[in-house]
Amino acid sequence: MSVSDKPCTLDGRFRVVFGAPIAELYETAAGPDASTALTRALEMRSFLALAEEQVTRICERVHEAMTPERDLDELSADQLRMDAQWLESALSARDRYRTALVDLLRTMSPPGRRTRPVRLTQQTITTTLPPAGAAPAPQRAGAARERRP
């Protein structure tokens, strides 16, 4: 099964943000005109889908080991400890991918709503130069006069 076919907990969010089902988004991302944002979002979605699948596999393995029908002589504390470590790692990875992807999708605008470019206006100051023949200002213009005794 391809990662594009694996379900992910954020698939509904992708549909809202990009306005298309996951399969169509992967097709679009494979094309020459794919946006960088879509490509990166789908790449992160693929990582999340794999991490979620890993969590599910570990949970199923632990549940299988703990079924009441299971022979207690087959139960291994070492194996359960190892599964607990694997589960902790898988959940940590899943949480990080999910947080990063939620943040990424939050920054994207919904379909049909294009962001307008920001128009920056810069204030200008207009000054006029004195006429070319005007006399220069005295060197000490604005200075206080000396008092004479």
C-alpha atoms as a PDB file:
ATOM      1  CA  MET A   1       0.000   0.000   0.000  1.00  0.00           C
ATOM      2  CA  SER A   2       1.351   3.379  -0.981  1.00  0.00           C
ATOM      3  CA  VAL A   3       1.663   6.055   1.657  1.00  0.00           C
ATOM      4  CA  SER A   4      -0.781   8.158  -0.341  1.00  0.00           C
ATOM      5  CA  ASP A   5      -3.398   5.440   0.266  1.00  0.00           C
ATOM      6  CA  LYS A   6      -2.777   5.235   4.016  1.00  0.00           C
ATOM      7  CA  PRO A   7      -5.308   7.106   6.119  1.00  0.00           C
ATOM      8  CA  CYS A   8      -4.154   9.930   8.342  1.00  0.00           C
ATOM      9  CA  THR A   9      -5.890  11.785  11.176  1.00  0.00           C
ATOM     10  CA  LEU A  10      -5.494  15.112   9.354  1.00  0.00           C
ATOM     11  CA  ASP A  11      -6.990  14.069   5.997  1.00  0.00           C
ATOM     12  CA  GLY A  12     -10.163  16.061   6.687  1.00  0.00           C
ATOM     13  CA  ARG A  13      -8.085  19.147   7.393  1.00  0.00           C
ATOM     14  CA  PHE A  14      -6.283  18.708   4.049  1.00  0.00           C
ATOM     15  CA  ARG A  15      -9.645  18.593   2.283  1.00  0.00           C
ATOM     16  CA  VAL A  16     -10.698  21.849   3.962  1.00  0.00           C
ATOM     17  CA  VAL A  17      -7.428  23.671   3.252  1.00  0.00           C
ATOM     18  CA  PHE A  18      -6.825  22.428  -0.304  1.00  0.00           C
ATOM     19  CA  GLY A  19     -10.411  21.675  -1.367  1.00  0.00           C
ATOM     20  CA  ALA A  20      -9.717  18.218  -2.803  1.00  0.00           C
ATOM     21  CA  PRO A  21      -9.430  14.601  -1.650  1.00  0.00           C
ATOM     22  CA  ILE A  22      -6.002  13.259  -0.704  1.00  0.00           C
ATOM     23  CA  ALA A  23      -5.665  11.119  -3.848  1.00  0.00           C
ATOM     24  CA  GLU A  24      -6.185  14.187  -6.068  1.00  0.00           C
ATOM     25  CA  LEU A  25      -3.715  16.214  -4.028  1.00  0.00           C
ATOM     26  CA  TYR A  26      -1.016  13.576  -4.513  1.00  0.00           C
ATOM     27  CA  GLU A  27      -1.731  13.575  -8.260  1.00  0.00           C
ATOM     28  CA  THR A  28      -1.458  17.359  -8.353  1.00  0.00           C
ATOM     29  CA  ALA A  29       1.779  17.272  -6.360  1.00  0.00           C
ATOM     30  CA  ALA A  30       3.291  14.872  -8.902  1.00  0.00           C
ATOM     31  CA  GLY A  31       2.653  17.353 -11.721  1.00  0.00           C
ATOM     32  CA  PRO A  32       5.070  20.005 -13.002  1.00  0.00           C
ATOM     33  CA  ASP A  33       2.996  22.929 -11.687  1.00  0.00           C
ATOM     34  CA  ALA A  34       2.722  21.676  -8.103  1.00  0.00           C
ATOM     35  CA  SER A  35       3.120  24.329  -5.450  1.00  0.00           C
ATOM     36  CA  THR A  36       5.947  23.993  -2.976  1.00  0.00           C
ATOM     37  CA  ALA A  37       3.487  24.366  -0.097  1.00  0.00           C
ATOM     38  CA  LEU A  38       1.359  21.444  -1.295  1.00  0.00           C
ATOM     39  CA  THR A  39       4.394  19.260  -1.926  1.00  0.00           C
ATOM     40  CA  ARG A  40       5.825  19.897   1.523  1.00  0.00           C
ATOM     41  CA  ALA A  41       2.483  19.471   3.260  1.00  0.00           C
ATOM     42  CA  LEU A  42       1.939  16.111   1.552  1.00  0.00           C
ATOM     43  CA  GLU A  43       5.463  15.007   2.385  1.00  0.00           C
ATOM     44  CA  MET A  44       4.834  15.740   6.048  1.00  0.00           C
ATOM     45  CA  ARG A  45       1.429  14.044   5.803  1.00  0.00           C
ATOM     46  CA  SER A  46       3.190  10.917   4.504  1.00  0.00           C
ATOM     47  CA  PHE A  47       5.500  10.908   7.526  1.00  0.00           C
ATOM     48  CA  LEU A  48       2.511  11.337   9.837  1.00  0.00           C
ATOM     49  CA  ALA A  49       0.596   8.492   8.161  1.00  0.00           C
ATOM     50  CA  LEU A  50       3.583   6.165   8.629  1.00  0.00           C
ATOM     51  CA  ALA A  51       4.019   7.180  12.267  1.00  0.00           C
ATOM     52  CA  GLU A  52       0.322   6.590  12.939  1.00  0.00           C
ATOM     53  CA  GLU A  53       0.508   3.182  11.280  1.00  0.00           C
ATOM     54  CA  GLN A  54       3.492   2.312  13.475  1.00  0.00           C
ATOM     55  CA  VAL A  55       1.569   3.315  16.634  1.00  0.00           C
ATOM     56  CA  THR A  56      -1.356   1.140  15.529  1.00  0.00           C
ATOM     57  CA  ARG A  57       0.889  -1.881  14.884  1.00  0.00           C
ATOM     58  CA  ILE A  58       2.530  -1.628  18.299  1.00  0.00           C
ATOM     59  CA  CYS A  59      -0.834  -1.263  20.044  1.00  0.00           C
ATOM     60  CA  GLU A  60      -2.165  -4.322  18.229  1.00  0.00           C
ATOM     61  CA  ARG A  61       0.926  -6.327  19.195  1.00  0.00           C
ATOM     62  CA  VAL A  62       0.535  -5.378  22.876  1.00  0.00           C
ATOM     63  CA  HIS A  63      -3.201  -6.161  22.840  1.00  0.00           C
ATOM     64  CA  GLU A  64      -2.502  -9.521  21.250  1.00  0.00           C
ATOM     65  CA  ALA A  65       0.098 -10.325  23.902  1.00  0.00           C
ATOM     66  CA  MET A  66      -2.345  -9.374  26.665  1.00  0.00           C
ATOM     67  CA  THR A  67      -5.460 -11.287  25.507  1.00  0.00           C
ATOM     68  CA  PRO A  68      -7.067 -13.378  28.256  1.00  0.00           C
ATOM     69  CA  GLU A  69      -6.806 -16.511  26.101  1.00  0.00           C
ATOM     70  CA  ARG A  70      -3.026 -16.192  25.915  1.00  0.00           C
ATOM     71  CA  ASP A  71      -0.956 -18.633  27.934  1.00  0.00           C
ATOM     72  CA  LEU A  72       0.678 -16.761  30.825  1.00  0.00           C
ATOM     73  CA  ASP A  73       3.876 -18.758  30.292  1.00  0.00           C
ATOM     74  CA  GLU A  74       4.276 -16.999  26.928  1.00  0.00           C
ATOM     75  CA  LEU A  75       4.048 -13.532  28.479  1.00  0.00           C
ATOM     76  CA  SER A  76       7.413 -11.743  28.521  1.00  0.00           C
ATOM     77  CA  ALA A  77       8.077  -8.662  30.627  1.00  0.00           C
ATOM     78  CA  ASP A  78      11.159  -7.897  28.527  1.00  0.00           C
ATOM     79  CA  GLN A  79       9.103  -7.998  25.326  1.00  0.00           C
ATOM     80  CA  LEU A  80       6.428  -5.752  26.827  1.00  0.00           C
ATOM     81  CA  ARG A  81       9.100  -3.313  28.032  1.00  0.00           C
ATOM     82  CA  MET A  82      10.531  -3.201  24.509  1.00  0.00           C
ATOM     83  CA  ASP A  83       7.054  -2.618  23.060  1.00  0.00           C
ATOM     84  CA  ALA A  84       6.494   0.185  25.579  1.00  0.00           C
ATOM     85  CA  GLN A  85       9.734   1.864  24.454  1.00  0.00           C
ATOM     86  CA  TRP A  86       8.770   1.469  20.796  1.00  0.00           C
ATOM     87  CA  LEU A  87       5.323   2.873  21.537  1.00  0.00           C
ATOM     88  CA  GLU A  88       6.783   5.859  23.364  1.00  0.00           C
ATOM     89  CA  SER A  89       9.059   6.635  20.405  1.00  0.00           C
ATOM     90  CA  ALA A  90       6.293   6.171  17.850  1.00  0.00           C
ATOM     91  CA  LEU A  91       3.894   8.397  19.798  1.00  0.00           C
ATOM     92  CA  SER A  92       6.547  11.073  20.172  1.00  0.00           C
ATOM     93  CA  ALA A  93       7.229  11.067  16.431  1.00  0.00           C
ATOM     94  CA  ARG A  94       3.502  11.115  15.657  1.00  0.00           C
ATOM     95  CA  ASP A  95       2.902  14.047  17.995  1.00  0.00           C
ATOM     96  CA  ARG A  96       5.748  16.055  16.477  1.00  0.00           C
ATOM     97  CA  TYR A  97       4.673  15.402  12.890  1.00  0.00           C
ATOM     98  CA  ARG A  98       1.076  16.219  13.767  1.00  0.00           C
ATOM     99  CA  THR A  99       1.998  19.471  15.532  1.00  0.00           C
ATOM    100  CA  ALA A 100       4.223  20.598  12.659  1.00  0.00           C
ATOM    101  CA  LEU A 101       1.590  19.724  10.074  1.00  0.00           C
ATOM    102  CA  VAL A 102      -1.225  21.463  11.982  1.00  0.00           C
ATOM    103  CA  ASP A 103       0.960  24.586  12.205  1.00  0.00           C
ATOM    104  CA  LEU A 104       1.734  24.404   8.487  1.00  0.00           C
ATOM    105  CA  LEU A 105      -1.908  23.945   7.496  1.00  0.00           C
ATOM    106  CA  ARG A 106      -2.972  26.781   9.793  1.00  0.00           C
ATOM    107  CA  THR A 107      -0.770  29.210   7.861  1.00  0.00           C
ATOM    108  CA  MET A 108      -2.307  28.280   4.517  1.00  0.00           C
ATOM    109  CA  SER A 109      -5.370  30.089   3.251  1.00  0.00           C
ATOM    110  CA  PRO A 110      -8.551  28.125   2.477  1.00  0.00           C
ATOM    111  CA  PRO A 111      -9.337  27.372  -1.195  1.00  0.00           C
ATOM    112  CA  GLY A 112     -10.952  30.175  -3.137  1.00  0.00           C
ATOM    113  CA  ARG A 113      -9.533  32.810  -0.833  1.00  0.00           C
ATOM    114  CA  ARG A 114      -6.435  34.241  -2.334  1.00  0.00           C
ATOM    115  CA  THR A 115      -4.257  36.376  -0.210  1.00  0.00           C
ATOM    116  CA  ARG A 116      -3.912  39.887  -1.495  1.00  0.00           C
ATOM    117  CA  PRO A 117      -0.435  41.227  -1.891  1.00  0.00           C
ATOM    118  CA  VAL A 118       0.459  43.723   0.771  1.00  0.00           C
ATOM    119  CA  ARG A 119       0.861  47.209  -0.615  1.00  0.00           C
ATOM    120  CA  LEU A 120       3.395  49.239   1.228  1.00  0.00           C
ATOM    121  CA  THR A 121       3.293  52.987   0.819  1.00  0.00           C
ATOM    122  CA  GLN A 122       6.264  55.064   1.599  1.00  0.00           C
ATOM    123  CA  GLN A 123       5.809  58.653   2.632  1.00  0.00           C
ATOM    124  CA  THR A 124       7.742  61.184   0.627  1.00  0.00           C
ATOM    125  CA  ILE A 125       8.979  64.519   1.764  1.00  0.00           C
ATOM    126  CA  THR A 126       9.030  67.305  -0.782  1.00  0.00           C
ATOM    127  CA  THR A 127      11.438  70.204  -0.365  1.00  0.00           C
ATOM    128  CA  THR A 128      12.299  73.109  -2.600  1.00  0.00           C
ATOM    129  CA  LEU A 129      15.777  74.321  -3.204  1.00  0.00           C
ATOM    130  CA  PRO A 130      16.578  78.023  -2.968  1.00  0.00           C
ATOM    131  CA  PRO A 131      17.021  79.795  -6.288  1.00  0.00           C
ATOM    132  CA  ALA A 132      20.479  79.449  -7.808  1.00  0.00           C
ATOM    133  CA  GLY A 133      21.385  83.124  -7.328  1.00  0.00           C
ATOM    134  CA  ALA A 134      20.435  83.331  -3.671  1.00  0.00           C
ATOM    135  CA  ALA A 135      23.112  84.469  -1.285  1.00  0.00           C
ATOM    136  CA  PRO A 136      24.544  81.791   1.009  1.00  0.00           C
ATOM    137  CA  ALA A 137      23.617  82.009   4.669  1.00  0.00           C
ATOM    138  CA  PRO A 138      26.177  83.612   6.960  1.00  0.00           C
ATOM    139  CA  GLN A 139      28.607  81.156   8.505  1.00  0.00           C
ATOM    140  CA  ARG A 140      27.367  81.716  12.004  1.00  0.00           C
ATOM    141  CA  ALA A 141      23.693  81.798  11.147  1.00  0.00           C
ATOM    142  CA  GLY A 142      21.585  81.181  14.214  1.00  0.00           C
ATOM    143  CA  ALA A 143      24.491  81.582  16.648  1.00  0.00           C
ATOM    144  CA  ALA A 144      24.155  83.979  19.550  1.00  0.00           C
ATOM    145  CA  ARG A 145      25.915  87.324  19.160  1.00  0.00           C
ATOM    146  CA  GLU A 146      28.899  88.129  21.276  1.00  0.00           C
ATOM    147  CA  ARG A 147      28.461  90.905  23.756  1.00  0.00           C
ATOM    148  CA  ARG A 148      30.926  93.680  23.701  1.00  0.00           C
ATOM    149  CA  PRO A 149      32.218  95.280  26.904  1.00  0.00           C
END
